[in-house]
């Protein structure tokens, strides 16, 4: 059974899982990577440690900060771009 043959509800469920896992990565994996990189290159985080960064990140997401939303949505956008590139290359 190919992807085209799958029922719409299964495709939507798959896409919803991809979105949720990507958002989880953007919320829980990317901020520690940013913190580790910043700590290595710039020194300690001025407001505290990793959990302080997570708290500041969550506040910025709620406040609508473009930078925080880019960090949150980044994994989904990159994964979607990669999936699109693969789909286009397969059709060529």
C-alpha atoms as a PDB file:
ATOM      1  CA  UNK A   1       0.000   0.000   0.000  1.00  0.00           C
ATOM      2  CA  UNK A   2       1.508   3.322  -1.046  1.00  0.00           C
ATOM      3  CA  UNK A   3       1.067   6.670   0.655  1.00  0.00           C
ATOM      4  CA  UNK A   4      -1.471   7.678  -1.987  1.00  0.00           C
ATOM      5  CA  UNK A   5      -3.618   4.680  -1.054  1.00  0.00           C
ATOM      6  CA  UNK A   6      -3.779   5.499   2.662  1.00  0.00           C
ATOM      7  CA  UNK A   7      -7.012   6.933   4.044  1.00  0.00           C
ATOM      8  CA  UNK A   8      -6.998  10.649   4.778  1.00  0.00           C
ATOM      9  CA  UNK A   9      -7.428  10.140   8.523  1.00  0.00           C
ATOM     10  CA  UNK A  10      -4.243   8.041   8.676  1.00  0.00           C
ATOM     11  CA  UNK A  11      -2.323  10.664   6.710  1.00  0.00           C
ATOM     12  CA  UNK A  12      -3.590  13.421   8.999  1.00  0.00           C
ATOM     13  CA  UNK A  13      -2.702  11.388  12.089  1.00  0.00           C
ATOM     14  CA  UNK A  14       0.806  10.849  10.696  1.00  0.00           C
ATOM     15  CA  UNK A  15       1.263  14.541   9.970  1.00  0.00           C
ATOM     16  CA  UNK A  16      -0.059  15.441  13.434  1.00  0.00           C
ATOM     17  CA  UNK A  17       2.511  13.087  15.025  1.00  0.00           C
ATOM     18  CA  UNK A  18       5.290  14.651  12.958  1.00  0.00           C
ATOM     19  CA  UNK A  19       4.168  18.126  14.025  1.00  0.00           C
ATOM     20  CA  UNK A  20       3.943  17.184  17.712  1.00  0.00           C
ATOM     21  CA  UNK A  21       7.366  15.490  17.751  1.00  0.00           C
ATOM     22  CA  UNK A  22       8.886  18.453  15.921  1.00  0.00           C
ATOM     23  CA  UNK A  23       7.354  20.905  18.392  1.00  0.00           C
ATOM     24  CA  UNK A  24       8.615  18.784  21.278  1.00  0.00           C
ATOM     25  CA  UNK A  25      12.111  18.879  19.765  1.00  0.00           C
ATOM     26  CA  UNK A  26      11.842  22.648  19.331  1.00  0.00           C
ATOM     27  CA  UNK A  27      10.726  23.084  22.930  1.00  0.00           C
ATOM     28  CA  UNK A  28      12.897  20.531  24.737  1.00  0.00           C
ATOM     29  CA  UNK A  29      15.950  19.756  22.571  1.00  0.00           C
ATOM     30  CA  UNK A  30      16.838  23.002  20.799  1.00  0.00           C
ATOM     31  CA  UNK A  31      16.982  25.306  23.877  1.00  0.00           C
ATOM     32  CA  UNK A  32      19.553  23.095  25.671  1.00  0.00           C
ATOM     33  CA  UNK A  33      21.639  23.010  22.491  1.00  0.00           C
ATOM     34  CA  UNK A  34      21.457  26.795  22.314  1.00  0.00           C
ATOM     35  CA  UNK A  35      22.389  27.002  26.001  1.00  0.00           C
ATOM     36  CA  UNK A  36      25.363  24.642  25.582  1.00  0.00           C
ATOM     37  CA  UNK A  37      26.623  26.493  22.528  1.00  0.00           C
ATOM     38  CA  UNK A  38      26.170  29.873  24.181  1.00  0.00           C
ATOM     39  CA  UNK A  39      27.872  28.735  27.348  1.00  0.00           C
ATOM     40  CA  UNK A  40      30.823  27.433  25.375  1.00  0.00           C
ATOM     41  CA  UNK A  41      31.187  30.497  23.174  1.00  0.00           C
ATOM     42  CA  UNK A  42      29.896  33.349  25.343  1.00  0.00           C
ATOM     43  CA  UNK A  43      30.138  32.140  28.922  1.00  0.00           C
ATOM     44  CA  UNK A  44      27.444  31.534  31.554  1.00  0.00           C
ATOM     45  CA  UNK A  45      23.829  32.517  30.896  1.00  0.00           C
ATOM     46  CA  UNK A  46      23.230  35.862  32.616  1.00  0.00           C
ATOM     47  CA  UNK A  47      19.833  34.918  34.094  1.00  0.00           C
ATOM     48  CA  UNK A  48      20.923  31.581  35.579  1.00  0.00           C
ATOM     49  CA  UNK A  49      21.282  28.067  34.222  1.00  0.00           C
ATOM     50  CA  UNK A  50      19.517  25.864  31.727  1.00  0.00           C
ATOM     51  CA  UNK A  51      16.179  25.905  33.542  1.00  0.00           C
ATOM     52  CA  UNK A  52      16.258  29.698  33.677  1.00  0.00           C
ATOM     53  CA  UNK A  53      16.758  29.690  29.912  1.00  0.00           C
ATOM     54  CA  UNK A  54      13.803  27.328  29.478  1.00  0.00           C
ATOM     55  CA  UNK A  55      11.653  29.603  31.634  1.00  0.00           C
ATOM     56  CA  UNK A  56      12.709  32.668  29.653  1.00  0.00           C
ATOM     57  CA  UNK A  57      12.073  30.774  26.420  1.00  0.00           C
ATOM     58  CA  UNK A  58       8.565  29.775  27.510  1.00  0.00           C
ATOM     59  CA  UNK A  59       7.787  33.368  28.506  1.00  0.00           C
ATOM     60  CA  UNK A  60       8.984  34.609  25.129  1.00  0.00           C
ATOM     61  CA  UNK A  61       6.867  32.047  23.267  1.00  0.00           C
ATOM     62  CA  UNK A  62       3.779  33.132  25.209  1.00  0.00           C
ATOM     63  CA  UNK A  63       4.657  36.796  24.607  1.00  0.00           C
ATOM     64  CA  UNK A  64       4.841  36.128  20.863  1.00  0.00           C
ATOM     65  CA  UNK A  65       8.551  36.738  20.332  1.00  0.00           C
ATOM     66  CA  UNK A  66       9.506  35.996  16.725  1.00  0.00           C
ATOM     67  CA  UNK A  67      12.884  34.578  17.792  1.00  0.00           C
ATOM     68  CA  UNK A  68      11.283  32.152  20.263  1.00  0.00           C
ATOM     69  CA  UNK A  69       8.740  31.003  17.666  1.00  0.00           C
ATOM     70  CA  UNK A  70      11.523  30.438  15.126  1.00  0.00           C
ATOM     71  CA  UNK A  71      13.317  28.218  17.664  1.00  0.00           C
ATOM     72  CA  UNK A  72      10.073  26.362  18.452  1.00  0.00           C
ATOM     73  CA  UNK A  73       9.019  25.826  14.823  1.00  0.00           C
ATOM     74  CA  UNK A  74      12.524  25.382  13.403  1.00  0.00           C
ATOM     75  CA  UNK A  75      12.645  21.566  13.556  1.00  0.00           C
ATOM     76  CA  UNK A  76       9.246  21.267  11.844  1.00  0.00           C
ATOM     77  CA  UNK A  77      10.177  23.731   9.103  1.00  0.00           C
ATOM     78  CA  UNK A  78      13.517  22.023   8.465  1.00  0.00           C
ATOM     79  CA  UNK A  79      11.928  18.565   8.437  1.00  0.00           C
ATOM     80  CA  UNK A  80       9.170  19.759   6.095  1.00  0.00           C
ATOM     81  CA  UNK A  81      11.729  21.305   3.743  1.00  0.00           C
ATOM     82  CA  UNK A  82      13.719  18.061   3.717  1.00  0.00           C
ATOM     83  CA  UNK A  83      10.589  16.012   3.036  1.00  0.00           C
ATOM     84  CA  UNK A  84       9.624  18.372   0.208  1.00  0.00           C
ATOM     85  CA  UNK A  85      13.111  18.148  -1.300  1.00  0.00           C
ATOM     86  CA  UNK A  86      12.972  14.344  -1.223  1.00  0.00           C
ATOM     87  CA  UNK A  87       9.490  14.314  -2.770  1.00  0.00           C
ATOM     88  CA  UNK A  88      10.559  16.681  -5.552  1.00  0.00           C
ATOM     89  CA  UNK A  89      13.762  14.726  -6.243  1.00  0.00           C
ATOM     90  CA  UNK A  90      11.792  11.472  -6.492  1.00  0.00           C
ATOM     91  CA  UNK A  91       9.498  12.960  -9.116  1.00  0.00           C
ATOM     92  CA  UNK A  92      12.371  14.092 -11.339  1.00  0.00           C
END
